[in-house]
Amino acid sequence: MGILLVYDVTNETSFANISKWVHKIEEHANEDVERMLVGNKCDLDDKRKISTERGEQLAKSHQIKFVEMSALTNTNVERAFRLLTEDILNKVCPPVKEEPIKKGKKKRMGLKSENSSRKGCC
């Protein structure tokens, strides 16, 4: 239900391969799969070949979220997985919003799903 497309910010080839992987996903995965672009090794500034701006631009061109992380220093690793997981959960089980429910003369607050045609969720 979710795919992280990860490239190495110190490796131009891994970045260039992202478009190929996006094409493979479009060919073979469900159309509603959540995707996110991740630039890994952001801790290696002295060896960086792919700027943050290039990563953001690529993500924007494919209409997906973007985050940079470092698996070595554990920078933004949890954030990347949390963002992807939240997107998946929001698709599977849309957030519930409060709406007033009127019964007779009394008014009380109740919960109503954004997709009211579905019965129960999560």
N, C-alpha and C. Protein backbone atom coordinates (compact mmCIF):
# COMPACT_ATOMS: atom_id res chain seq x y z
N MET A 1 0.80 -1.19 0.00
CA MET A 1 0.00 0.00 0.00
C MET A 1 0.85 1.26 0.00
N GLY A 2 2.16 1.10 0.24
CA GLY A 2 3.05 2.24 0.25
C GLY A 2 4.43 1.88 -0.26
N ILE A 3 5.04 2.81 -0.94
CA ILE A 3 6.37 2.58 -1.51
C ILE A 3 7.25 3.78 -1.20
N LEU A 4 8.43 3.51 -0.63
CA LEU A 4 9.45 4.53 -0.46
C LEU A 4 10.44 4.39 -1.60
N LEU A 5 10.60 5.44 -2.37
CA LEU A 5 11.59 5.47 -3.45
C LEU A 5 12.82 6.16 -2.87
N VAL A 6 13.87 5.40 -2.62
CA VAL A 6 15.03 5.92 -1.91
C VAL A 6 16.22 6.05 -2.85
N TYR A 7 16.85 7.22 -2.81
CA TYR A 7 18.10 7.42 -3.55
C TYR A 7 19.16 7.91 -2.59
N ASP A 8 20.40 7.78 -3.00
CA ASP A 8 21.56 8.18 -2.21
C ASP A 8 21.96 9.59 -2.66
N VAL A 9 21.96 10.56 -1.74
CA VAL A 9 22.27 11.95 -2.11
C VAL A 9 23.72 12.12 -2.58
N THR A 10 24.54 11.09 -2.40
CA THR A 10 25.94 11.16 -2.84
C THR A 10 26.16 10.41 -4.16
N ASN A 11 25.07 9.93 -4.76
CA ASN A 11 25.19 9.08 -5.94
C ASN A 11 24.21 9.55 -7.03
N GLU A 12 24.76 10.15 -8.07
CA GLU A 12 23.94 10.68 -9.17
C GLU A 12 23.15 9.58 -9.88
N THR A 13 23.74 8.39 -10.02
CA THR A 13 23.06 7.29 -10.71
C THR A 13 21.81 6.85 -9.97
N SER A 14 21.91 6.75 -8.64
CA SER A 14 20.73 6.33 -7.88
C SER A 14 19.59 7.34 -8.03
N PHE A 15 19.93 8.62 -8.11
CA PHE A 15 18.92 9.67 -8.31
C PHE A 15 18.32 9.56 -9.71
N ALA A 16 19.15 9.32 -10.70
CA ALA A 16 18.67 9.21 -12.08
C ALA A 16 17.73 8.01 -12.25
N ASN A 17 17.93 6.97 -11.46
CA ASN A 17 17.10 5.77 -11.56
C ASN A 17 15.70 5.94 -10.98
N ILE A 18 15.46 6.99 -10.24
CA ILE A 18 14.15 7.19 -9.61
C ILE A 18 13.04 7.26 -10.66
N SER A 19 13.27 7.99 -11.74
CA SER A 19 12.23 8.10 -12.78
C SER A 19 11.90 6.73 -13.37
N LYS A 20 12.91 5.89 -13.51
CA LYS A 20 12.68 4.52 -14.01
C LYS A 20 11.81 3.75 -13.02
N TRP A 21 12.08 3.90 -11.72
CA TRP A 21 11.31 3.19 -10.71
C TRP A 21 9.88 3.71 -10.64
N VAL A 22 9.70 5.00 -10.81
CA VAL A 22 8.35 5.57 -10.83
C VAL A 22 7.56 4.96 -11.99
N HIS A 23 8.20 4.84 -13.14
CA HIS A 23 7.55 4.24 -14.31
C HIS A 23 7.17 2.78 -14.02
N LYS A 24 8.06 2.03 -13.38
CA LYS A 24 7.76 0.63 -13.03
C LYS A 24 6.57 0.55 -12.07
N ILE A 25 6.53 1.46 -11.13
CA ILE A 25 5.41 1.49 -10.18
C ILE A 25 4.11 1.77 -10.92
N GLU A 26 4.13 2.74 -11.82
CA GLU A 26 2.93 3.06 -12.59
C GLU A 26 2.48 1.89 -13.45
N GLU A 27 3.42 1.08 -13.94
CA GLU A 27 3.09 -0.09 -14.76
C GLU A 27 2.52 -1.25 -13.94
N HIS A 28 3.08 -1.47 -12.75
CA HIS A 28 2.81 -2.73 -12.04
C HIS A 28 2.07 -2.61 -10.71
N ALA A 29 2.08 -1.46 -10.08
CA ALA A 29 1.44 -1.33 -8.76
C ALA A 29 0.02 -0.84 -8.91
N ASN A 30 -0.76 -0.99 -7.86
CA ASN A 30 -2.10 -0.42 -7.85
C ASN A 30 -1.99 1.09 -8.03
N GLU A 31 -2.95 1.66 -8.71
CA GLU A 31 -2.89 3.10 -8.99
C GLU A 31 -3.02 3.95 -7.73
N ASP A 32 -3.60 3.40 -6.67
CA ASP A 32 -3.78 4.19 -5.45
C ASP A 32 -2.68 3.95 -4.41
N VAL A 33 -1.58 3.32 -4.80
CA VAL A 33 -0.48 3.10 -3.87
C VAL A 33 0.14 4.44 -3.48
N GLU A 34 0.43 4.60 -2.21
CA GLU A 34 1.07 5.82 -1.72
C GLU A 34 2.56 5.72 -2.00
N ARG A 35 3.13 6.82 -2.47
CA ARG A 35 4.55 6.86 -2.79
C ARG A 35 5.20 8.05 -2.10
N MET A 36 6.48 7.89 -1.79
CA MET A 36 7.24 8.99 -1.20
C MET A 36 8.68 8.89 -1.69
N LEU A 37 9.26 10.03 -2.01
CA LEU A 37 10.66 10.10 -2.43
C LEU A 37 11.51 10.41 -1.21
N VAL A 38 12.58 9.64 -1.02
CA VAL A 38 13.46 9.80 0.13
C VAL A 38 14.90 9.93 -0.35
N GLY A 39 15.54 11.03 0.04
CA GLY A 39 16.97 11.20 -0.20
C GLY A 39 17.71 10.72 1.04
N ASN A 40 18.46 9.64 0.92
CA ASN A 40 19.18 9.06 2.06
C ASN A 40 20.61 9.58 2.10
N LYS A 41 21.23 9.49 3.28
CA LYS A 41 22.61 9.91 3.55
C LYS A 41 22.75 11.42 3.59
N CYS A 42 21.72 12.10 4.09
CA CYS A 42 21.79 13.57 4.17
C CYS A 42 22.86 14.04 5.16
N ASP A 43 23.41 13.13 5.94
CA ASP A 43 24.48 13.47 6.88
C ASP A 43 25.82 13.67 6.17
N LEU A 44 25.93 13.27 4.91
CA LEU A 44 27.20 13.34 4.18
C LEU A 44 27.26 14.59 3.30
N ASP A 45 27.16 15.77 3.92
CA ASP A 45 27.15 17.03 3.17
C ASP A 45 28.39 17.22 2.31
N ASP A 46 29.52 16.79 2.78
CA ASP A 46 30.77 16.98 2.03
C ASP A 46 30.84 16.10 0.78
N LYS A 47 30.02 15.05 0.71
CA LYS A 47 30.01 14.15 -0.45
C LYS A 47 28.73 14.29 -1.29
N ARG A 48 27.85 15.19 -0.88
CA ARG A 48 26.55 15.36 -1.54
C ARG A 48 26.71 15.76 -3.00
N LYS A 49 25.93 15.09 -3.87
CA LYS A 49 25.88 15.43 -5.29
C LYS A 49 24.48 15.86 -5.72
N ILE A 50 23.49 15.49 -4.92
CA ILE A 50 22.09 15.82 -5.23
C ILE A 50 21.60 16.81 -4.18
N SER A 51 21.29 18.02 -4.60
CA SER A 51 20.81 19.04 -3.67
C SER A 51 19.39 18.70 -3.20
N THR A 52 19.06 19.25 -2.05
CA THR A 52 17.70 19.09 -1.53
C THR A 52 16.69 19.63 -2.54
N GLU A 53 17.02 20.75 -3.16
CA GLU A 53 16.11 21.37 -4.15
C GLU A 53 15.85 20.45 -5.33
N ARG A 54 16.87 19.72 -5.79
CA ARG A 54 16.66 18.77 -6.90
C ARG A 54 15.73 17.64 -6.47
N GLY A 55 15.89 17.16 -5.25
CA GLY A 55 15.00 16.12 -4.74
C GLY A 55 13.58 16.62 -4.64
N GLU A 56 13.41 17.82 -4.09
CA GLU A 56 12.07 18.41 -3.98
C GLU A 56 11.43 18.58 -5.35
N GLN A 57 12.21 19.03 -6.31
CA GLN A 57 11.68 19.24 -7.66
C GLN A 57 11.24 17.93 -8.31
N LEU A 58 12.04 16.88 -8.13
CA LEU A 58 11.68 15.58 -8.69
C LEU A 58 10.39 15.07 -8.04
N ALA A 59 10.30 15.20 -6.73
CA ALA A 59 9.09 14.77 -6.04
C ALA A 59 7.88 15.55 -6.53
N LYS A 60 8.05 16.84 -6.69
CA LYS A 60 6.96 17.69 -7.18
C LYS A 60 6.53 17.27 -8.58
N SER A 61 7.48 16.94 -9.43
CA SER A 61 7.14 16.54 -10.80
C SER A 61 6.36 15.24 -10.85
N HIS A 62 6.54 14.39 -9.83
CA HIS A 62 5.79 13.13 -9.76
C HIS A 62 4.63 13.20 -8.77
N GLN A 63 4.41 14.39 -8.23
CA GLN A 63 3.31 14.65 -7.30
C GLN A 63 3.34 13.71 -6.10
N ILE A 64 4.52 13.60 -5.49
CA ILE A 64 4.68 12.79 -4.29
C ILE A 64 5.42 13.59 -3.22
N LYS A 65 5.30 13.14 -1.99
CA LYS A 65 5.98 13.80 -0.88
C LYS A 65 7.48 13.51 -0.94
N PHE A 66 8.23 14.37 -0.25
CA PHE A 66 9.68 14.25 -0.24
C PHE A 66 10.23 14.48 1.16
N VAL A 67 11.22 13.71 1.52
CA VAL A 67 11.92 13.92 2.78
C VAL A 67 13.36 13.44 2.60
N GLU A 68 14.29 14.12 3.27
CA GLU A 68 15.66 13.65 3.31
C GLU A 68 15.89 13.03 4.67
N MET A 69 16.70 11.98 4.71
CA MET A 69 16.97 11.29 5.96
C MET A 69 18.39 10.74 5.96
N SER A 70 18.80 10.28 7.12
CA SER A 70 20.06 9.56 7.26
C SER A 70 19.79 8.32 8.08
N ALA A 71 19.95 7.17 7.47
CA ALA A 71 19.77 5.92 8.21
C ALA A 71 20.89 5.77 9.24
N LEU A 72 22.07 6.27 8.93
CA LEU A 72 23.21 6.16 9.84
C LEU A 72 22.98 6.93 11.14
N THR A 73 22.53 8.18 11.02
CA THR A 73 22.34 9.02 12.20
C THR A 73 20.89 9.01 12.70
N ASN A 74 20.04 8.25 12.06
CA ASN A 74 18.62 8.15 12.39
C ASN A 74 17.90 9.49 12.29
N THR A 75 18.31 10.30 11.32
CA THR A 75 17.68 11.60 11.08
C THR A 75 16.49 11.42 10.14
N ASN A 76 15.30 11.78 10.58
CA ASN A 76 14.07 11.74 9.79
C ASN A 76 13.62 10.35 9.34
N VAL A 77 14.22 9.29 9.85
CA VAL A 77 13.80 7.94 9.46
C VAL A 77 12.37 7.69 9.93
N GLU A 78 12.13 7.94 11.20
CA GLU A 78 10.78 7.75 11.73
C GLU A 78 9.79 8.67 11.02
N ARG A 79 10.20 9.90 10.75
CA ARG A 79 9.33 10.86 10.08
C ARG A 79 8.89 10.35 8.71
N ALA A 80 9.82 9.80 7.94
CA ALA A 80 9.49 9.30 6.60
C ALA A 80 8.45 8.19 6.69
N PHE A 81 8.67 7.25 7.59
CA PHE A 81 7.71 6.14 7.72
C PHE A 81 6.38 6.62 8.29
N ARG A 82 6.42 7.58 9.23
CA ARG A 82 5.19 8.10 9.80
C ARG A 82 4.35 8.81 8.74
N LEU A 83 4.99 9.65 7.92
CA LEU A 83 4.25 10.37 6.87
C LEU A 83 3.61 9.41 5.88
N LEU A 84 4.36 8.40 5.46
CA LEU A 84 3.82 7.43 4.52
C LEU A 84 2.67 6.64 5.16
N THR A 85 2.87 6.23 6.41
CA THR A 85 1.83 5.48 7.11
C THR A 85 0.57 6.31 7.30
N GLU A 86 0.72 7.57 7.64
CA GLU A 86 -0.44 8.45 7.81
C GLU A 86 -1.21 8.59 6.50
N ASP A 87 -0.49 8.73 5.39
CA ASP A 87 -1.15 8.84 4.09
C ASP A 87 -1.93 7.56 3.77
N ILE A 88 -1.34 6.41 4.07
CA ILE A 88 -2.03 5.13 3.82
C ILE A 88 -3.27 5.04 4.69
N LEU A 89 -3.12 5.33 5.98
CA LEU A 89 -4.26 5.24 6.89
C LEU A 89 -5.37 6.22 6.51
N ASN A 90 -5.01 7.42 6.10
CA ASN A 90 -6.03 8.40 5.69
C ASN A 90 -6.78 7.94 4.45
N LYS A 91 -6.12 7.17 3.62
CA LYS A 91 -6.80 6.65 2.43
C LYS A 91 -7.72 5.49 2.79
N VAL A 92 -7.25 4.60 3.67
CA VAL A 92 -8.01 3.42 4.06
C VAL A 92 -9.15 3.79 5.01
N CYS A 93 -8.86 4.68 5.92
CA CYS A 93 -9.84 5.06 6.95
C CYS A 93 -9.80 6.57 7.11
N PRO A 94 -10.57 7.31 6.33
CA PRO A 94 -10.54 8.77 6.38
C PRO A 94 -10.80 9.28 7.79
N PRO A 95 -10.19 10.41 8.13
CA PRO A 95 -10.41 10.97 9.47
C PRO A 95 -11.87 11.27 9.72
N VAL A 96 -12.26 11.19 10.96
CA VAL A 96 -13.63 11.46 11.36
C VAL A 96 -13.69 12.91 11.82
N LYS A 97 -14.72 13.62 11.39
CA LYS A 97 -14.89 15.00 11.84
C LYS A 97 -16.17 15.12 12.64
N GLU A 98 -16.18 16.06 13.53
CA GLU A 98 -17.36 16.27 14.37
C GLU A 98 -18.36 17.15 13.65
N GLU A 99 -19.63 16.77 13.75
CA GLU A 99 -20.72 17.56 13.20
C GLU A 99 -21.87 17.52 14.20
N PRO A 100 -22.60 18.60 14.31
CA PRO A 100 -23.74 18.58 15.23
C PRO A 100 -24.82 17.62 14.72
N ILE A 101 -25.40 16.89 15.66
CA ILE A 101 -26.51 15.99 15.33
C ILE A 101 -27.73 16.54 16.06
N LYS A 102 -28.79 16.79 15.32
CA LYS A 102 -29.99 17.37 15.90
C LYS A 102 -31.02 16.28 16.13
N LYS A 103 -31.55 16.25 17.35
CA LYS A 103 -32.65 15.34 17.68
C LYS A 103 -33.66 16.14 18.46
N GLY A 104 -34.80 16.34 17.88
CA GLY A 104 -35.83 17.13 18.54
C GLY A 104 -35.32 18.53 18.81
N LYS A 105 -35.52 19.01 20.05
CA LYS A 105 -35.09 20.35 20.40
C LYS A 105 -33.67 20.38 20.95
N LYS A 106 -33.14 19.21 21.34
CA LYS A 106 -31.80 19.16 21.92
C LYS A 106 -30.76 19.03 20.82
N LYS A 107 -29.61 19.59 21.08
CA LYS A 107 -28.50 19.50 20.12
C LYS A 107 -27.33 18.84 20.83
N ARG A 108 -26.73 17.85 20.23
CA ARG A 108 -25.56 17.24 20.82
C ARG A 108 -24.52 17.01 19.74
N MET A 109 -23.31 16.86 20.15
CA MET A 109 -22.22 16.63 19.19
C MET A 109 -22.10 15.14 18.95
N GLY A 110 -21.89 14.79 17.71
CA GLY A 110 -21.69 13.39 17.35
C GLY A 110 -20.58 13.29 16.33
N LEU A 111 -20.23 12.10 15.99
CA LEU A 111 -19.18 11.88 15.01
C LEU A 111 -19.81 11.39 13.72
N LYS A 112 -19.26 11.87 12.64
CA LYS A 112 -19.75 11.46 11.33
C LYS A 112 -18.54 11.26 10.43
N SER A 113 -18.48 10.14 9.76
CA SER A 113 -17.37 9.85 8.86
C SER A 113 -17.47 10.73 7.65
N GLU A 114 -16.31 11.13 7.11
CA GLU A 114 -16.28 11.92 5.89
C GLU A 114 -16.89 11.15 4.73
N ASN A 115 -16.79 9.83 4.78
CA ASN A 115 -17.35 8.99 3.74
C ASN A 115 -18.54 8.26 4.36
N SER A 116 -19.66 8.93 4.43
CA SER A 116 -20.80 8.42 5.16
C SER A 116 -21.45 7.19 4.51
N SER A 117 -21.07 6.87 3.29
CA SER A 117 -21.65 5.69 2.65
C SER A 117 -21.04 4.40 3.18
N ARG A 118 -19.90 4.49 3.86
CA ARG A 118 -19.26 3.30 4.41
C ARG A 118 -19.79 3.02 5.81
N LYS A 119 -19.88 1.77 6.14
CA LYS A 119 -20.26 1.35 7.48
C LYS A 119 -18.98 1.15 8.28
N GLY A 120 -18.89 1.72 9.44
CA GLY A 120 -17.78 1.51 10.37
C GLY A 120 -16.40 1.46 9.73
N CYS A 121 -15.45 1.91 10.45
CA CYS A 121 -14.08 1.89 9.95
C CYS A 121 -13.13 1.90 11.12
N CYS A 122 -12.00 1.30 10.96
CA CYS A 122 -10.89 1.31 11.93
C CYS A 122 -11.37 1.39 13.33
